[in-house]
Amino acid sequence: MGEVLHLSHSTKRLIVRGRESLRVGGFGIDSTGYIVGRVEEIFGPINGPYYALKPLPKTEPLKYIGQTLFYLPRENSSNAKRQHGHRHRR
């Protein structure tokens, strides 16, 4: 997915600099498999998009700034609980 750049103060979304074209509705997960948030918006150039992730409740979004997140398509997450602390097996 890409690197978390910052937390938007106006929308409370994590902004991620992308490496590839992904779809709205999927999830951003960290390197340990925790679901961090849902992709709400894609913007910017096609060859270097940005993603706005809505953090899940009880997620501490500031701790993810500078970290790399990975993409989990929505169809692959049907068995995953959408709560902080759930680990998805990649």
N, C-alpha and C. Protein backbone atom coordinates (compact mmCIF):
# COMPACT_ATOMS: atom_id res chain seq x y z
N MET A 1 0.83 -1.18 0.00
CA MET A 1 0.00 0.00 0.00
C MET A 1 0.87 1.24 0.00
N GLY A 2 1.65 1.48 1.08
CA GLY A 2 2.54 2.62 1.10
C GLY A 2 2.82 3.16 2.49
N GLU A 3 3.48 4.31 2.53
CA GLU A 3 3.92 4.93 3.78
C GLU A 3 2.90 5.94 4.28
N VAL A 4 2.61 5.89 5.59
CA VAL A 4 1.71 6.86 6.21
C VAL A 4 2.47 8.18 6.36
N LEU A 5 1.92 9.24 5.74
CA LEU A 5 2.58 10.55 5.77
C LEU A 5 2.15 11.38 6.96
N HIS A 6 0.84 11.46 7.20
CA HIS A 6 0.34 12.27 8.30
C HIS A 6 -1.12 11.98 8.58
N LEU A 7 -1.63 12.59 9.65
CA LEU A 7 -3.04 12.52 10.01
C LEU A 7 -3.66 13.85 9.65
N SER A 8 -4.68 13.82 8.80
CA SER A 8 -5.38 15.05 8.42
C SER A 8 -6.18 15.55 9.62
N HIS A 9 -5.93 16.77 10.03
CA HIS A 9 -6.63 17.32 11.19
C HIS A 9 -8.09 17.62 10.86
N SER A 10 -8.38 17.98 9.61
CA SER A 10 -9.76 18.33 9.25
C SER A 10 -10.65 17.10 9.08
N THR A 11 -10.11 16.02 8.52
CA THR A 11 -10.94 14.83 8.27
C THR A 11 -10.66 13.67 9.22
N LYS A 12 -9.58 13.78 9.99
CA LYS A 12 -9.17 12.70 10.92
C LYS A 12 -8.83 11.41 10.18
N ARG A 13 -8.32 11.54 8.95
CA ARG A 13 -7.94 10.40 8.13
C ARG A 13 -6.41 10.31 8.06
N LEU A 14 -5.90 9.08 8.02
CA LEU A 14 -4.47 8.87 7.78
C LEU A 14 -4.24 9.01 6.28
N ILE A 15 -3.23 9.76 5.91
CA ILE A 15 -2.89 9.95 4.50
C ILE A 15 -1.69 9.08 4.19
N VAL A 16 -1.86 8.22 3.18
CA VAL A 16 -0.84 7.24 2.80
C VAL A 16 -0.39 7.52 1.37
N ARG A 17 0.92 7.60 1.16
CA ARG A 17 1.46 7.74 -0.20
C ARG A 17 1.52 6.34 -0.79
N GLY A 18 0.75 6.13 -1.87
CA GLY A 18 0.63 4.81 -2.46
C GLY A 18 1.72 4.48 -3.45
N ARG A 19 1.78 3.21 -3.77
CA ARG A 19 2.73 2.70 -4.76
C ARG A 19 2.02 2.10 -5.96
N GLU A 20 0.73 1.84 -5.80
CA GLU A 20 -0.04 1.17 -6.84
C GLU A 20 -1.50 1.58 -6.74
N SER A 21 -2.26 1.25 -7.76
CA SER A 21 -3.68 1.58 -7.78
C SER A 21 -4.46 0.52 -7.00
N LEU A 22 -5.19 0.95 -5.98
CA LEU A 22 -5.98 0.06 -5.13
C LEU A 22 -7.44 0.51 -5.17
N ARG A 23 -8.30 -0.16 -4.44
CA ARG A 23 -9.73 0.16 -4.46
C ARG A 23 -10.20 0.71 -3.12
N VAL A 24 -11.19 1.59 -3.20
CA VAL A 24 -11.87 2.10 -2.01
C VAL A 24 -12.61 0.93 -1.36
N GLY A 25 -12.62 0.89 -0.05
CA GLY A 25 -13.34 -0.15 0.68
C GLY A 25 -12.44 -1.22 1.27
N GLY A 26 -11.21 -1.32 0.76
CA GLY A 26 -10.26 -2.27 1.33
C GLY A 26 -9.71 -1.73 2.64
N PHE A 27 -8.77 -2.45 3.22
CA PHE A 27 -8.23 -2.09 4.52
C PHE A 27 -6.72 -1.93 4.48
N GLY A 28 -6.21 -1.06 5.34
CA GLY A 28 -4.78 -0.92 5.55
C GLY A 28 -4.42 -1.72 6.79
N ILE A 29 -3.41 -2.58 6.67
CA ILE A 29 -2.96 -3.36 7.82
C ILE A 29 -1.48 -3.08 8.05
N ASP A 30 -1.06 -3.23 9.30
CA ASP A 30 0.35 -2.98 9.60
C ASP A 30 1.16 -4.25 9.40
N SER A 31 2.45 -4.18 9.69
CA SER A 31 3.35 -5.31 9.44
C SER A 31 3.07 -6.52 10.32
N THR A 32 2.32 -6.33 11.40
CA THR A 32 1.97 -7.46 12.27
C THR A 32 0.61 -8.05 11.92
N GLY A 33 -0.10 -7.43 10.96
CA GLY A 33 -1.39 -7.94 10.53
C GLY A 33 -2.59 -7.27 11.16
N TYR A 34 -2.37 -6.25 12.00
CA TYR A 34 -3.50 -5.54 12.60
C TYR A 34 -4.16 -4.63 11.58
N ILE A 35 -5.48 -4.67 11.54
CA ILE A 35 -6.24 -3.79 10.65
C ILE A 35 -6.24 -2.39 11.26
N VAL A 36 -5.68 -1.43 10.53
CA VAL A 36 -5.53 -0.06 11.02
C VAL A 36 -6.74 0.79 10.63
N GLY A 37 -7.18 0.66 9.38
CA GLY A 37 -8.29 1.48 8.91
C GLY A 37 -8.78 1.06 7.54
N ARG A 38 -9.84 1.74 7.11
CA ARG A 38 -10.50 1.44 5.83
C ARG A 38 -10.16 2.53 4.81
N VAL A 39 -9.90 2.14 3.57
CA VAL A 39 -9.63 3.10 2.50
C VAL A 39 -10.94 3.80 2.14
N GLU A 40 -10.99 5.12 2.40
CA GLU A 40 -12.20 5.90 2.15
C GLU A 40 -12.12 6.71 0.86
N GLU A 41 -10.90 7.06 0.46
CA GLU A 41 -10.75 7.94 -0.70
C GLU A 41 -9.38 7.71 -1.34
N ILE A 42 -9.35 7.86 -2.67
CA ILE A 42 -8.10 7.79 -3.43
C ILE A 42 -8.00 9.09 -4.21
N PHE A 43 -6.83 9.73 -4.17
CA PHE A 43 -6.66 10.99 -4.88
C PHE A 43 -5.22 11.13 -5.35
N GLY A 44 -4.99 12.11 -6.24
CA GLY A 44 -3.65 12.34 -6.76
C GLY A 44 -3.44 11.61 -8.08
N PRO A 45 -2.19 11.56 -8.54
CA PRO A 45 -1.89 10.95 -9.84
C PRO A 45 -2.06 9.43 -9.82
N ILE A 46 -2.38 8.87 -10.96
CA ILE A 46 -2.58 7.43 -11.09
C ILE A 46 -1.31 6.65 -10.77
N ASN A 47 -0.16 7.17 -11.20
CA ASN A 47 1.09 6.44 -10.99
C ASN A 47 1.70 6.67 -9.60
N GLY A 48 1.08 7.47 -8.78
CA GLY A 48 1.54 7.70 -7.41
C GLY A 48 0.40 8.21 -6.54
N PRO A 49 -0.65 7.40 -6.39
CA PRO A 49 -1.84 7.87 -5.68
C PRO A 49 -1.63 8.03 -4.18
N TYR A 50 -2.55 8.75 -3.59
CA TYR A 50 -2.62 8.89 -2.13
C TYR A 50 -3.93 8.28 -1.68
N TYR A 51 -3.91 7.73 -0.47
CA TYR A 51 -5.09 7.10 0.10
C TYR A 51 -5.43 7.77 1.42
N ALA A 52 -6.74 7.98 1.64
CA ALA A 52 -7.22 8.48 2.92
C ALA A 52 -7.86 7.30 3.64
N LEU A 53 -7.29 6.92 4.78
CA LEU A 53 -7.79 5.80 5.57
C LEU A 53 -8.54 6.31 6.79
N LYS A 54 -9.73 5.80 7.00
CA LYS A 54 -10.48 6.11 8.22
C LYS A 54 -10.03 5.10 9.27
N PRO A 55 -9.34 5.57 10.31
CA PRO A 55 -8.87 4.64 11.35
C PRO A 55 -10.03 3.96 12.05
N LEU A 56 -9.84 2.71 12.42
CA LEU A 56 -10.87 2.00 13.18
C LEU A 56 -10.96 2.57 14.59
N PRO A 57 -12.12 2.42 15.24
CA PRO A 57 -12.25 2.89 16.63
C PRO A 57 -11.17 2.28 17.51
N LYS A 58 -10.70 3.05 18.43
CA LYS A 58 -9.67 2.66 19.41
C LYS A 58 -8.29 2.52 18.79
N THR A 59 -8.14 2.86 17.51
CA THR A 59 -6.83 2.85 16.88
C THR A 59 -6.11 4.15 17.24
N GLU A 60 -4.83 4.08 17.50
CA GLU A 60 -4.02 5.28 17.76
C GLU A 60 -3.34 5.68 16.46
N PRO A 61 -3.99 6.51 15.64
CA PRO A 61 -3.47 6.79 14.30
C PRO A 61 -2.10 7.44 14.27
N LEU A 62 -1.76 8.26 15.25
CA LEU A 62 -0.47 8.95 15.23
C LEU A 62 0.71 8.00 15.30
N LYS A 63 0.53 6.83 15.89
CA LYS A 63 1.66 5.89 16.00
C LYS A 63 2.02 5.26 14.66
N TYR A 64 1.16 5.41 13.65
CA TYR A 64 1.44 4.82 12.33
C TYR A 64 2.15 5.78 11.38
N ILE A 65 2.31 7.03 11.76
CA ILE A 65 2.99 7.99 10.87
C ILE A 65 4.43 7.53 10.65
N GLY A 66 4.81 7.44 9.37
CA GLY A 66 6.15 6.98 9.01
C GLY A 66 6.24 5.48 8.77
N GLN A 67 5.20 4.74 9.14
CA GLN A 67 5.21 3.29 8.95
C GLN A 67 4.63 2.92 7.59
N THR A 68 4.97 1.74 7.13
CA THR A 68 4.41 1.20 5.90
C THR A 68 3.19 0.36 6.24
N LEU A 69 2.11 0.60 5.50
CA LEU A 69 0.90 -0.21 5.64
C LEU A 69 0.75 -1.07 4.39
N PHE A 70 0.05 -2.15 4.54
CA PHE A 70 -0.20 -3.09 3.45
C PHE A 70 -1.69 -3.13 3.18
N TYR A 71 -2.07 -3.50 1.96
CA TYR A 71 -3.47 -3.48 1.54
C TYR A 71 -4.12 -4.84 1.69
N LEU A 72 -5.32 -4.83 2.23
CA LEU A 72 -6.14 -6.03 2.36
C LEU A 72 -7.46 -5.76 1.64
N PRO A 73 -7.70 -6.40 0.50
CA PRO A 73 -8.96 -6.16 -0.22
C PRO A 73 -10.17 -6.52 0.64
N ARG A 74 -11.26 -5.81 0.43
CA ARG A 74 -12.47 -6.03 1.21
C ARG A 74 -12.95 -7.48 1.10
N GLU A 75 -12.90 -8.06 -0.09
CA GLU A 75 -13.39 -9.43 -0.27
C GLU A 75 -12.55 -10.45 0.49
N ASN A 76 -11.30 -10.12 0.80
CA ASN A 76 -10.44 -11.03 1.58
C ASN A 76 -10.59 -10.83 3.08
N SER A 77 -11.37 -9.83 3.47
CA SER A 77 -11.47 -9.51 4.90
C SER A 77 -12.82 -9.90 5.48
N SER A 78 -13.63 -10.65 4.74
CA SER A 78 -14.97 -10.97 5.22
C SER A 78 -14.97 -11.76 6.53
N ASN A 79 -13.92 -12.49 6.79
CA ASN A 79 -13.84 -13.25 8.04
C ASN A 79 -13.12 -12.49 9.13
N ALA A 80 -12.58 -11.33 8.79
CA ALA A 80 -11.83 -10.55 9.78
C ALA A 80 -12.76 -9.63 10.55
N LYS A 81 -12.56 -9.52 11.83
CA LYS A 81 -13.33 -8.58 12.63
C LYS A 81 -12.78 -7.19 12.39
N ARG A 82 -13.67 -6.23 12.29
CA ARG A 82 -13.25 -4.86 12.02
C ARG A 82 -13.12 -4.08 13.33
N GLN A 83 -12.28 -4.56 14.18
CA GLN A 83 -12.03 -3.87 15.43
C GLN A 83 -10.53 -3.82 15.69
N HIS A 84 -10.12 -2.81 16.41
CA HIS A 84 -8.71 -2.67 16.72
C HIS A 84 -8.25 -3.88 17.52
N GLY A 85 -7.08 -4.33 17.22
CA GLY A 85 -6.53 -5.45 17.96
C GLY A 85 -6.72 -6.78 17.26
N HIS A 86 -7.50 -6.79 16.18
CA HIS A 86 -7.65 -8.04 15.45
C HIS A 86 -6.50 -8.20 14.48
N ARG A 87 -5.93 -9.34 14.47
CA ARG A 87 -4.81 -9.62 13.59
C ARG A 87 -5.30 -10.44 12.40
N HIS A 88 -5.02 -9.96 11.21
CA HIS A 88 -5.36 -10.69 9.99
C HIS A 88 -4.14 -11.48 9.57
N ARG A 89 -4.34 -12.71 9.23
CA ARG A 89 -3.22 -13.53 8.74
C ARG A 89 -3.04 -13.27 7.26
N ARG A 90 -1.82 -12.79 6.89
CA ARG A 90 -1.53 -12.51 5.49
C ARG A 90 -1.08 -13.75 4.79
